[in-house]
Amino acid sequence: MAGCGVLVLLLAMALQSLLEPALGQGGSTSTVIPTTASGLTESERLAAIIVPSLVGGLLLIGLLIFGALKVRERRQTEGTYRPSSEEQAGARVVTNANLQLPPEERLI
């Protein structure tokens, strides 16, 4: 779970570095920001592509982890009983030759 916190921190830093020039908070002294035909700056377009991709990727990873946990739980709680396989496994067990037989029972 500590890895998620580091990932969120890295995402926040990446977003901040992408949005700072667009918001005029960057270290550049230039006030003219070039725009494209859509009216967005290059950093805004890049942020508009990266942020949904990262959110979608995190959502996909979360769904995969959730699915794996559900499959694991289902395998533990559900299943089929096959006594024939148990019998075959039991036939392969080798008895210990050092075992002594119990004393023979006799009539009084």
PDB file of N, CA and C in Angstrom:
ATOM      1  N   MET A   1       0.812  -1.189   0.000  1.00  0.00           N
ATOM      2  CA  MET A   1       0.000   0.000   0.000  1.00  0.00           C
ATOM      3  C   MET A   1       0.861   1.260   0.000  1.00  0.00           C
ATOM      4  N   ALA A   2       2.095   1.188   0.486  1.00  0.00           N
ATOM      5  CA  ALA A   2       2.967   2.350   0.486  1.00  0.00           C
ATOM      6  C   ALA A   2       3.321   2.750  -0.942  1.00  0.00           C
ATOM      7  N   GLY A   3       3.342   1.797  -1.855  1.00  0.00           N
ATOM      8  CA  GLY A   3       3.627   2.078  -3.247  1.00  0.00           C
ATOM      9  C   GLY A   3       2.571   2.961  -3.881  1.00  0.00           C
ATOM     10  N   CYS A   4       1.310   2.833  -3.438  1.00  0.00           N
ATOM     11  CA  CYS A   4       0.236   3.668  -3.971  1.00  0.00           C
ATOM     12  C   CYS A   4       0.459   5.121  -3.596  1.00  0.00           C
ATOM     13  N   GLY A   5       0.917   5.379  -2.372  1.00  0.00           N
ATOM     14  CA  GLY A   5       1.170   6.744  -1.944  1.00  0.00           C
ATOM     15  C   GLY A   5       2.291   7.379  -2.751  1.00  0.00           C
ATOM     16  N   VAL A   6       3.326   6.606  -3.035  1.00  0.00           N
ATOM     17  CA  VAL A   6       4.430   7.109  -3.834  1.00  0.00           C
ATOM     18  C   VAL A   6       3.965   7.383  -5.255  1.00  0.00           C
ATOM     19  N   LEU A   7       3.122   6.514  -5.784  1.00  0.00           N
ATOM     20  CA  LEU A   7       2.607   6.690  -7.134  1.00  0.00           C
ATOM     21  C   LEU A   7       1.758   7.951  -7.230  1.00  0.00           C
ATOM     22  N   VAL A   8       0.915   8.182  -6.237  1.00  0.00           N
ATOM     23  CA  VAL A   8       0.071   9.382  -6.225  1.00  0.00           C
ATOM     24  C   VAL A   8       0.941  10.626  -6.131  1.00  0.00           C
ATOM     25  N   LEU A   9       1.979  10.583  -5.306  1.00  0.00           N
ATOM     26  CA  LEU A   9       2.883  11.725  -5.175  1.00  0.00           C
ATOM     27  C   LEU A   9       3.587  12.016  -6.506  1.00  0.00           C
ATOM     28  N   LEU A  10       4.053  10.966  -7.180  1.00  0.00           N
ATOM     29  CA  LEU A  10       4.705  11.159  -8.478  1.00  0.00           C
ATOM     30  C   LEU A  10       3.739  11.721  -9.514  1.00  0.00           C
ATOM     31  N   LEU A  11       2.502  11.255  -9.500  1.00  0.00           N
ATOM     32  CA  LEU A  11       1.495  11.776 -10.429  1.00  0.00           C
ATOM     33  C   LEU A  11       1.217  13.246 -10.154  1.00  0.00           C
ATOM     34  N   ALA A  12       1.119  13.618  -8.881  1.00  0.00           N
ATOM     35  CA  ALA A  12       0.867  15.008  -8.530  1.00  0.00           C
ATOM     36  C   ALA A  12       2.018  15.898  -8.979  1.00  0.00           C
ATOM     37  N   MET A  13       3.248  15.430  -8.799  1.00  0.00           N
ATOM     38  CA  MET A  13       4.404  16.220  -9.220  1.00  0.00           C
ATOM     39  C   MET A  13       4.434  16.365 -10.735  1.00  0.00           C
ATOM     40  N   ALA A  14       4.097  15.304 -11.458  1.00  0.00           N
ATOM     41  CA  ALA A  14       4.076  15.373 -12.920  1.00  0.00           C
ATOM     42  C   ALA A  14       3.005  16.339 -13.402  1.00  0.00           C
ATOM     43  N   LEU A  15       1.833  16.279 -12.782  1.00  0.00           N
ATOM     44  CA  LEU A  15       0.762  17.199 -13.159  1.00  0.00           C
ATOM     45  C   LEU A  15       1.153  18.641 -12.877  1.00  0.00           C
ATOM     46  N   GLN A  16       1.766  18.877 -11.745  1.00  0.00           N
ATOM     47  CA  GLN A  16       2.173  20.226 -11.377  1.00  0.00           C
ATOM     48  C   GLN A  16       3.183  20.761 -12.389  1.00  0.00           C
ATOM     49  N   SER A  17       4.153  19.932 -12.766  1.00  0.00           N
ATOM     50  CA  SER A  17       5.154  20.391 -13.721  1.00  0.00           C
ATOM     51  C   SER A  17       4.544  20.635 -15.097  1.00  0.00           C
ATOM     52  N   LEU A  18       3.476  19.902 -15.435  1.00  0.00           N
ATOM     53  CA  LEU A  18       2.829  20.117 -16.723  1.00  0.00           C
ATOM     54  C   LEU A  18       1.945  21.363 -16.717  1.00  0.00           C
ATOM     55  N   LEU A  19       1.285  21.618 -15.593  1.00  0.00           N
ATOM     56  CA  LEU A  19       0.328  22.712 -15.541  1.00  0.00           C
ATOM     57  C   LEU A  19       0.952  24.049 -15.161  1.00  0.00           C
ATOM     58  N   GLU A  20       2.124  24.070 -14.547  1.00  0.00           N
ATOM     59  CA  GLU A  20       2.751  25.325 -14.153  1.00  0.00           C
ATOM     60  C   GLU A  20       2.968  26.269 -15.338  1.00  0.00           C
ATOM     61  N   PRO A  21       3.536  25.798 -16.453  1.00  0.00           N
ATOM     62  CA  PRO A  21       3.699  26.725 -17.593  1.00  0.00           C
ATOM     63  C   PRO A  21       2.359  27.201 -18.140  1.00  0.00           C
ATOM     64  N   ALA A  22       1.340  26.350 -18.101  1.00  0.00           N
ATOM     65  CA  ALA A  22       0.041  26.727 -18.643  1.00  0.00           C
ATOM     66  C   ALA A  22      -0.637  27.775 -17.775  1.00  0.00           C
ATOM     67  N   LEU A  23      -0.392  27.732 -16.480  1.00  0.00           N
ATOM     68  CA  LEU A  23      -1.015  28.673 -15.563  1.00  0.00           C
ATOM     69  C   LEU A  23      -0.148  29.904 -15.335  1.00  0.00           C
ATOM     70  N   GLY A  24       1.003  29.966 -15.935  1.00  0.00           N
ATOM     71  CA  GLY A  24       1.878  31.119 -15.796  1.00  0.00           C
ATOM     72  C   GLY A  24       2.673  31.103 -14.511  1.00  0.00           C
ATOM     73  N   GLN A  25       2.819  29.979 -13.853  1.00  0.00           N
ATOM     74  CA  GLN A  25       3.528  29.896 -12.598  1.00  0.00           C
ATOM     75  C   GLN A  25       4.940  29.341 -12.777  1.00  0.00           C
ATOM     76  N   GLY A  26       5.313  29.053 -13.984  1.00  0.00           N
ATOM     77  CA  GLY A  26       6.623  28.457 -14.229  1.00  0.00           C
ATOM     78  C   GLY A  26       7.728  29.484 -14.088  1.00  0.00           C
ATOM     79  N   GLY A  27       8.934  29.027 -14.192  1.00  0.00           N
ATOM     80  CA  GLY A  27      10.084  29.890 -14.032  1.00  0.00           C
ATOM     81  C   GLY A  27      10.385  30.722 -15.273  1.00  0.00           C
ATOM     82  N   SER A  28       9.668  30.532 -16.354  1.00  0.00           N
ATOM     83  CA  SER A  28       9.958  31.273 -17.578  1.00  0.00           C
ATOM     84  C   SER A  28       9.459  32.707 -17.443  1.00  0.00           C
ATOM     85  N   THR A  29      10.174  33.635 -18.042  1.00  0.00           N
ATOM     86  CA  THR A  29       9.805  35.048 -17.975  1.00  0.00           C
ATOM     87  C   THR A  29       8.918  35.450 -19.137  1.00  0.00           C
ATOM     88  N   SER A  30       8.737  34.583 -20.103  1.00  0.00           N
ATOM     89  CA  SER A  30       7.925  34.893 -21.265  1.00  0.00           C
ATOM     90  C   SER A  30       6.456  34.864 -20.882  1.00  0.00           C
ATOM     91  N   THR A  31       5.697  35.868 -21.331  1.00  0.00           N
ATOM     92  CA  THR A  31       4.271  35.917 -21.038  1.00  0.00           C
ATOM     93  C   THR A  31       3.445  35.437 -22.214  1.00  0.00           C
ATOM     94  N   VAL A  32       4.044  35.277 -23.367  1.00  0.00           N
ATOM     95  CA  VAL A  32       3.332  34.803 -24.549  1.00  0.00           C
ATOM     96  C   VAL A  32       3.372  33.287 -24.545  1.00  0.00           C
ATOM     97  N   ILE A  33       2.170  32.684 -24.542  1.00  0.00           N
ATOM     98  CA  ILE A  33       2.062  31.229 -24.545  1.00  0.00           C
ATOM     99  C   ILE A  33       1.507  30.811 -25.899  1.00  0.00           C
ATOM    100  N   PRO A  34       2.261  30.034 -26.655  1.00  0.00           N
ATOM    101  CA  PRO A  34       1.755  29.629 -27.976  1.00  0.00           C
ATOM    102  C   PRO A  34       0.571  28.681 -27.831  1.00  0.00           C
ATOM    103  N   THR A  35      -0.433  28.900 -28.647  1.00  0.00           N
ATOM    104  CA  THR A  35      -1.612  28.038 -28.620  1.00  0.00           C
ATOM    105  C   THR A  35      -1.774  27.366 -29.965  1.00  0.00           C
ATOM    106  N   THR A  36      -2.513  26.267 -29.947  1.00  0.00           N
ATOM    107  CA  THR A  36      -2.785  25.550 -31.191  1.00  0.00           C
ATOM    108  C   THR A  36      -4.127  26.001 -31.727  1.00  0.00           C
ATOM    109  N   ALA A  37      -4.573  25.383 -32.787  1.00  0.00           N
ATOM    110  CA  ALA A  37      -5.846  25.746 -33.404  1.00  0.00           C
ATOM    111  C   ALA A  37      -7.016  25.480 -32.470  1.00  0.00           C
ATOM    112  N   SER A  38      -6.860  24.542 -31.523  1.00  0.00           N
ATOM    113  CA  SER A  38      -7.956  24.225 -30.610  1.00  0.00           C
ATOM    114  C   SER A  38      -8.044  25.201 -29.447  1.00  0.00           C
ATOM    115  N   GLY A  39      -7.060  26.105 -29.308  1.00  0.00           N
ATOM    116  CA  GLY A  39      -7.084  27.087 -28.242  1.00  0.00           C
ATOM    117  C   GLY A  39      -6.382  26.618 -26.984  1.00  0.00           C
ATOM    118  N   LEU A  40      -5.786  25.448 -26.997  1.00  0.00           N
ATOM    119  CA  LEU A  40      -5.070  24.918 -25.833  1.00  0.00           C
ATOM    120  C   LEU A  40      -3.581  25.001 -26.074  1.00  0.00           C
ATOM    121  N   THR A  41      -2.861  25.247 -25.003  1.00  0.00           N
ATOM    122  CA  THR A  41      -1.407  25.234 -25.132  1.00  0.00           C
ATOM    123  C   THR A  41      -0.936  23.790 -25.221  1.00  0.00           C
ATOM    124  N   GLU A  42       0.323  23.652 -25.578  1.00  0.00           N
ATOM    125  CA  GLU A  42       0.872  22.299 -25.731  1.00  0.00           C
ATOM    126  C   GLU A  42       0.859  21.551 -24.398  1.00  0.00           C
ATOM    127  N   SER A  43       1.194  22.245 -23.313  1.00  0.00           N
ATOM    128  CA  SER A  43       1.206  21.578 -22.005  1.00  0.00           C
ATOM    129  C   SER A  43      -0.202  21.206 -21.553  1.00  0.00           C
ATOM    130  N   GLU A  44      -1.200  22.037 -21.903  1.00  0.00           N
ATOM    131  CA  GLU A  44      -2.590  21.693 -21.562  1.00  0.00           C
ATOM    132  C   GLU A  44      -3.052  20.468 -22.339  1.00  0.00           C
ATOM    133  N   ARG A  45      -2.684  20.426 -23.621  1.00  0.00           N
ATOM    134  CA  ARG A  45      -3.043  19.250 -24.421  1.00  0.00           C
ATOM    135  C   ARG A  45      -2.379  17.996 -23.878  1.00  0.00           C
ATOM    136  N   LEU A  46      -1.111  18.128 -23.511  1.00  0.00           N
ATOM    137  CA  LEU A  46      -0.385  16.998 -22.958  1.00  0.00           C
ATOM    138  C   LEU A  46      -1.015  16.532 -21.646  1.00  0.00           C
ATOM    139  N   ALA A  47      -1.390  17.488 -20.796  1.00  0.00           N
ATOM    140  CA  ALA A  47      -2.051  17.142 -19.539  1.00  0.00           C
ATOM    141  C   ALA A  47      -3.411  16.507 -19.797  1.00  0.00           C
ATOM    142  N   ALA A  48      -4.114  16.988 -20.820  1.00  0.00           N
ATOM    143  CA  ALA A  48      -5.426  16.426 -21.157  1.00  0.00           C
ATOM    144  C   ALA A  48      -5.310  14.995 -21.673  1.00  0.00           C
ATOM    145  N   ILE A  49      -4.156  14.626 -22.172  1.00  0.00           N
ATOM    146  CA  ILE A  49      -3.941  13.250 -22.634  1.00  0.00           C
ATOM    147  C   ILE A  49      -3.441  12.372 -21.498  1.00  0.00           C
ATOM    148  N   ILE A  50      -2.481  12.887 -20.722  1.00  0.00           N
ATOM    149  CA  ILE A  50      -1.827  12.071 -19.688  1.00  0.00           C
ATOM    150  C   ILE A  50      -2.740  11.780 -18.514  1.00  0.00           C
ATOM    151  N   VAL A  51      -3.451  12.784 -18.011  1.00  0.00           N
ATOM    152  CA  VAL A  51      -4.268  12.596 -16.801  1.00  0.00           C
ATOM    153  C   VAL A  51      -5.343  11.523 -17.003  1.00  0.00           C
ATOM    154  N   PRO A  52      -6.177  11.589 -18.045  1.00  0.00           N
ATOM    155  CA  PRO A  52      -7.171  10.514 -18.216  1.00  0.00           C
ATOM    156  C   PRO A  52      -6.528   9.141 -18.451  1.00  0.00           C
ATOM    157  N   SER A  53      -5.371   9.141 -19.132  1.00  0.00           N
ATOM    158  CA  SER A  53      -4.690   7.865 -19.353  1.00  0.00           C
ATOM    159  C   SER A  53      -4.228   7.257 -18.038  1.00  0.00           C
ATOM    160  N   LEU A  54      -3.648   8.073 -17.164  1.00  0.00           N
ATOM    161  CA  LEU A  54      -3.186   7.576 -15.868  1.00  0.00           C
ATOM    162  C   LEU A  54      -4.354   7.125 -14.993  1.00  0.00           C
ATOM    163  N   VAL A  55      -5.429   7.900 -14.992  1.00  0.00           N
ATOM    164  CA  VAL A  55      -6.605   7.516 -14.199  1.00  0.00           C
ATOM    165  C   VAL A  55      -7.181   6.215 -14.735  1.00  0.00           C
ATOM    166  N   GLY A  56      -7.279   6.099 -16.055  1.00  0.00           N
ATOM    167  CA  GLY A  56      -7.780   4.860 -16.651  1.00  0.00           C
ATOM    168  C   GLY A  56      -6.880   3.673 -16.354  1.00  0.00           C
ATOM    169  N   GLY A  57      -5.571   3.906 -16.402  1.00  0.00           N
ATOM    170  CA  GLY A  57      -4.620   2.833 -16.093  1.00  0.00           C
ATOM    171  C   GLY A  57      -4.737   2.383 -14.644  1.00  0.00           C
ATOM    172  N   LEU A  58      -4.839   3.343 -13.726  1.00  0.00           N
ATOM    173  CA  LEU A  58      -5.003   2.987 -12.313  1.00  0.00           C
ATOM    174  C   LEU A  58      -6.317   2.248 -12.080  1.00  0.00           C
ATOM    175  N   LEU A  59      -7.362   2.679 -12.765  1.00  0.00           N
ATOM    176  CA  LEU A  59      -8.648   1.995 -12.641  1.00  0.00           C
ATOM    177  C   LEU A  59      -8.548   0.566 -13.177  1.00  0.00           C
ATOM    178  N   LEU A  60      -7.868   0.386 -14.282  1.00  0.00           N
ATOM    179  CA  LEU A  60      -7.688  -0.948 -14.859  1.00  0.00           C
ATOM    180  C   LEU A  60      -6.879  -1.844 -13.928  1.00  0.00           C
ATOM    181  N   ILE A  61      -5.804  -1.302 -13.353  1.00  0.00           N
ATOM    182  CA  ILE A  61      -5.000  -2.078 -12.403  1.00  0.00           C
ATOM    183  C   ILE A  61      -5.837  -2.466 -11.192  1.00  0.00           C
ATOM    184  N   GLY A  62      -6.642  -1.531 -10.691  1.00  0.00           N
ATOM    185  CA  GLY A  62      -7.518  -1.830  -9.554  1.00  0.00           C
ATOM    186  C   GLY A  62      -8.512  -2.933  -9.882  1.00  0.00           C
ATOM    187  N   LEU A  63      -9.093  -2.873 -11.072  1.00  0.00           N
ATOM    188  CA  LEU A  63     -10.052  -3.914 -11.474  1.00  0.00           C
ATOM    189  C   LEU A  63      -9.372  -5.271 -11.615  1.00  0.00           C
ATOM    190  N   LEU A  64      -8.149  -5.293 -12.136  1.00  0.00           N
ATOM    191  CA  LEU A  64      -7.426  -6.554 -12.270  1.00  0.00           C
ATOM    192  C   LEU A  64      -7.103  -7.154 -10.904  1.00  0.00           C
ATOM    193  N   ILE A  65      -6.688  -6.313  -9.963  1.00  0.00           N
ATOM    194  CA  ILE A  65      -6.390  -6.807  -8.617  1.00  0.00           C
ATOM    195  C   ILE A  65      -7.661  -7.317  -7.953  1.00  0.00           C
ATOM    196  N   PHE A  66      -8.759  -6.580  -8.098  1.00  0.00           N
ATOM    197  CA  PHE A  66     -10.029  -7.010  -7.514  1.00  0.00           C
ATOM    198  C   PHE A  66     -10.478  -8.342  -8.114  1.00  0.00           C
ATOM    199  N   GLY A  67     -10.354  -8.488  -9.424  1.00  0.00           N
ATOM    200  CA  GLY A  67     -10.733  -9.737 -10.080  1.00  0.00           C
ATOM    201  C   GLY A  67      -9.879 -10.904  -9.629  1.00  0.00           C
ATOM    202  N   ALA A  68      -8.580 -10.670  -9.488  1.00  0.00           N
ATOM    203  CA  ALA A  68      -7.688 -11.740  -9.030  1.00  0.00           C
ATOM    204  C   ALA A  68      -8.028 -12.170  -7.615  1.00  0.00           C
ATOM    205  N   LEU A  69      -8.356 -11.208  -6.753  1.00  0.00           N
ATOM    206  CA  LEU A  69      -8.734 -11.554  -5.376  1.00  0.00           C
ATOM    207  C   LEU A  69     -10.045 -12.339  -5.342  1.00  0.00           C
ATOM    208  N   LYS A  70     -10.987 -11.964  -6.191  1.00  0.00           N
ATOM    209  CA  LYS A  70     -12.268 -12.692  -6.235  1.00  0.00           C
ATOM    210  C   LYS A  70     -12.080 -14.116  -6.749  1.00  0.00           C
ATOM    211  N   VAL A  71     -11.243 -14.290  -7.763  1.00  0.00           N
ATOM    212  CA  VAL A  71     -10.984 -15.634  -8.289  1.00  0.00           C
ATOM    213  C   VAL A  71     -10.309 -16.483  -7.216  1.00  0.00           C
ATOM    214  N   ARG A  72      -9.370 -15.889  -6.506  1.00  0.00           N
ATOM    215  CA  ARG A  72      -8.674 -16.620  -5.440  1.00  0.00           C
ATOM    216  C   ARG A  72      -9.648 -17.029  -4.328  1.00  0.00           C
ATOM    217  N   GLU A  73     -10.539 -16.112  -3.970  1.00  0.00           N
ATOM    218  CA  GLU A  73     -11.527 -16.425  -2.933  1.00  0.00           C
ATOM    219  C   GLU A  73     -12.470 -17.535  -3.386  1.00  0.00           C
ATOM    220  N   ARG A  74     -12.889 -17.468  -4.639  1.00  0.00           N
ATOM    221  CA  ARG A  74     -13.819 -18.476  -5.152  1.00  0.00           C
ATOM    222  C   ARG A  74     -13.159 -19.856  -5.192  1.00  0.00           C
ATOM    223  N   ARG A  75     -11.879 -19.904  -5.534  1.00  0.00           N
ATOM    224  CA  ARG A  75     -11.174 -21.190  -5.559  1.00  0.00           C
ATOM    225  C   ARG A  75     -11.062 -21.786  -4.164  1.00  0.00           C
ATOM    226  N   GLN A  76     -10.959 -20.928  -3.154  1.00  0.00           N
ATOM    227  CA  GLN A  76     -10.834 -21.418  -1.784  1.00  0.00           C
ATOM    228  C   GLN A  76     -12.169 -21.914  -1.240  1.00  0.00           C
ATOM    229  N   THR A  77     -13.266 -21.275  -1.639  1.00  0.00           N
ATOM    230  CA  THR A  77     -14.560 -21.610  -1.048  1.00  0.00           C
ATOM    231  C   THR A  77     -15.385 -22.568  -1.889  1.00  0.00           C
ATOM    232  N   GLU A  78     -15.111 -22.676  -3.159  1.00  0.00           N
ATOM    233  CA  GLU A  78     -15.889 -23.563  -4.021  1.00  0.00           C
ATOM    234  C   GLU A  78     -14.959 -24.559  -4.695  1.00  0.00           C
ATOM    235  N   GLY A  79     -15.520 -25.680  -5.058  1.00  0.00           N
ATOM    236  CA  GLY A  79     -14.707 -26.679  -5.743  1.00  0.00           C
ATOM    237  C   GLY A  79     -15.477 -27.967  -5.895  1.00  0.00           C
ATOM    238  N   THR A  80     -14.842 -28.977  -6.396  1.00  0.00           N
ATOM    239  CA  THR A  80     -15.480 -30.274  -6.575  1.00  0.00           C
ATOM    240  C   THR A  80     -14.703 -31.318  -5.804  1.00  0.00           C
ATOM    241  N   TYR A  81     -15.425 -32.266  -5.290  1.00  0.00           N
ATOM    242  CA  TYR A  81     -14.818 -33.359  -4.541  1.00  0.00           C
ATOM    243  C   TYR A  81     -14.705 -34.547  -5.481  1.00  0.00           C
ATOM    244  N   ARG A  82     -13.511 -35.061  -5.647  1.00  0.00           N
ATOM    245  CA  ARG A  82     -13.274 -36.206  -6.518  1.00  0.00           C
ATOM    246  C   ARG A  82     -12.633 -37.317  -5.707  1.00  0.00           C
ATOM    247  N   PRO A  83     -13.433 -38.223  -5.168  1.00  0.00           N
ATOM    248  CA  PRO A  83     -12.865 -39.282  -4.342  1.00  0.00           C
ATOM    249  C   PRO A  83     -11.963 -40.226  -5.136  1.00  0.00           C
ATOM    250  N   SER A  84     -12.197 -40.369  -6.422  1.00  0.00           N
ATOM    251  CA  SER A  84     -11.344 -41.282  -7.196  1.00  0.00           C
ATOM    252  C   SER A  84      -9.898 -40.780  -7.213  1.00  0.00           C
ATOM    253  N   SER A  85      -9.723 -39.474  -7.293  1.00  0.00           N
ATOM    254  CA  SER A  85      -8.352 -38.953  -7.279  1.00  0.00           C
ATOM    255  C   SER A  85      -7.721 -39.154  -5.911  1.00  0.00           C
ATOM    256  N   GLU A  86      -8.515 -39.084  -4.844  1.00  0.00           N
ATOM    257  CA  GLU A  86      -7.996 -39.343  -3.505  1.00  0.00           C
ATOM    258  C   GLU A  86      -7.577 -40.807  -3.359  1.00  0.00           C
ATOM    259  N   GLU A  87      -8.380 -41.701  -3.942  1.00  0.00           N
ATOM    260  CA  GLU A  87      -8.045 -43.123  -3.862  1.00  0.00           C
ATOM    261  C   GLU A  87      -6.758 -43.423  -4.626  1.00  0.00           C
ATOM    262  N   GLN A  88      -6.593 -42.806  -5.767  1.00  0.00           N
ATOM    263  CA  GLN A  88      -5.383 -43.030  -6.547  1.00  0.00           C
ATOM    264  C   GLN A  88      -4.163 -42.471  -5.837  1.00  0.00           C
ATOM    265  N   ALA A  89      -4.324 -41.339  -5.185  1.00  0.00           N
ATOM    266  CA  ALA A  89      -3.205 -40.761  -4.438  1.00  0.00           C
ATOM    267  C   ALA A  89      -2.883 -41.624  -3.228  1.00  0.00           C
ATOM    268  N   GLY A  90      -3.894 -42.200  -2.609  1.00  0.00           N
ATOM    269  CA  GLY A  90      -3.677 -43.049  -1.442  1.00  0.00           C
ATOM    270  C   GLY A  90      -2.992 -44.348  -1.802  1.00  0.00           C
ATOM    271  N   ALA A  91      -3.189 -44.841  -3.014  1.00  0.00           N
ATOM    272  CA  ALA A  91      -2.580 -46.100  -3.431  1.00  0.00           C
ATOM    273  C   ALA A  91      -1.076 -45.929  -3.632  1.00  0.00           C
ATOM    274  N   ARG A  92      -0.634 -44.703  -3.865  1.00  0.00           N
ATOM    275  CA  ARG A  92       0.777 -44.465  -4.105  1.00  0.00           C
ATOM    276  C   ARG A  92       1.584 -44.358  -2.821  1.00  0.00           C
ATOM    277  N   VAL A  93       0.924 -44.298  -1.680  1.00  0.00           N
ATOM    278  CA  VAL A  93       1.636 -44.148  -0.419  1.00  0.00           C
ATOM    279  C   VAL A  93       2.332 -45.459  -0.076  1.00  0.00           C
ATOM    280  N   VAL A  94       3.602 -45.384   0.200  1.00  0.00           N
ATOM    281  CA  VAL A  94       4.381 -46.562   0.537  1.00  0.00           C
ATOM    282  C   VAL A  94       4.350 -46.744   2.050  1.00  0.00           C
ATOM    283  N   THR A  95       4.046 -47.966   2.476  1.00  0.00           N
ATOM    284  CA  THR A  95       4.006 -48.227   3.915  1.00  0.00           C
ATOM    285  C   THR A  95       5.422 -48.415   4.445  1.00  0.00           C
ATOM    286  N   ASN A  96       5.595 -48.139   5.686  1.00  0.00           N
ATOM    287  CA  ASN A  96       6.897 -48.264   6.319  1.00  0.00           C
ATOM    288  C   ASN A  96       7.136 -49.735   6.656  1.00  0.00           C
ATOM    289  N   ALA A  97       8.223 -50.306   6.184  1.00  0.00           N
ATOM    290  CA  ALA A  97       8.518 -51.723   6.397  1.00  0.00           C
ATOM    291  C   ALA A  97       8.983 -51.980   7.825  1.00  0.00           C
ATOM    292  N   ASN A  98       9.343 -50.967   8.580  1.00  0.00           N
ATOM    293  CA  ASN A  98       9.831 -51.131   9.940  1.00  0.00           C
ATOM    294  C   ASN A  98       8.712 -51.226  10.974  1.00  0.00           C
ATOM    295  N   LEU A  99       7.497 -51.088  10.544  1.00  0.00           N
ATOM    296  CA  LEU A  99       6.387 -51.172  11.494  1.00  0.00           C
ATOM    297  C   LEU A  99       6.223 -52.608  11.982  1.00  0.00           C
ATOM    298  N   GLN A 100       5.983 -52.760  13.266  1.00  0.00           N
ATOM    299  CA  GLN A 100       5.763 -54.104  13.812  1.00  0.00           C
ATOM    300  C   GLN A 100       4.272 -54.374  13.881  1.00  0.00           C
ATOM    301  N   LEU A 101       3.942 -55.627  13.619  1.00  0.00           N
ATOM    302  CA  LEU A 101       2.549 -56.025  13.700  1.00  0.00           C
ATOM    303  C   LEU A 101       2.141 -56.130  15.170  1.00  0.00           C
ATOM    304  N   PRO A 102       0.883 -55.876  15.467  1.00  0.00           N
ATOM    305  CA  PRO A 102       0.431 -56.025  16.852  1.00  0.00           C
ATOM    306  C   PRO A 102       0.479 -57.492  17.263  1.00  0.00           C
ATOM    307  N   PRO A 103       0.543 -57.773  18.554  1.00  0.00           N
ATOM    308  CA  PRO A 103       0.577 -59.181  18.987  1.00  0.00           C
ATOM    309  C   PRO A 103      -0.681 -59.918  18.544  1.00  0.00           C
ATOM    310  N   GLU A 104      -0.506 -61.187  18.222  1.00  0.00           N
ATOM    311  CA  GLU A 104      -1.608 -61.993  17.720  1.00  0.00           C
ATOM    312  C   GLU A 104      -2.601 -62.257  18.859  1.00  0.00           C
ATOM    313  N   GLU A 105      -3.877 -62.138  18.531  1.00  0.00           N
ATOM    314  CA  GLU A 105      -4.902 -62.383  19.549  1.00  0.00           C
ATOM    315  C   GLU A 105      -5.162 -63.899  19.620  1.00  0.00           C
ATOM    316  N   ARG A 106      -5.319 -64.404  20.845  1.00  0.00           N
ATOM    317  CA  ARG A 106      -5.580 -65.838  21.033  1.00  0.00           C
ATOM    318  C   ARG A 106      -6.808 -66.003  21.928  1.00  0.00           C
ATOM    319  N   LEU A 107      -7.427 -67.136  21.772  1.00  0.00           N
ATOM    320  CA  LEU A 107      -8.580 -67.471  22.625  1.00  0.00           C
ATOM    321  C   LEU A 107      -8.073 -67.995  23.964  1.00  0.00           C
ATOM    322  N   ILE A 108      -8.800 -67.760  24.985  1.00  0.00           N
ATOM    323  CA  ILE A 108      -8.412 -68.268  26.320  1.00  0.00           C
ATOM    324  C   ILE A 108      -8.765 -69.708  26.467  1.00  0.00           C
TER     325      ILE A 108
END
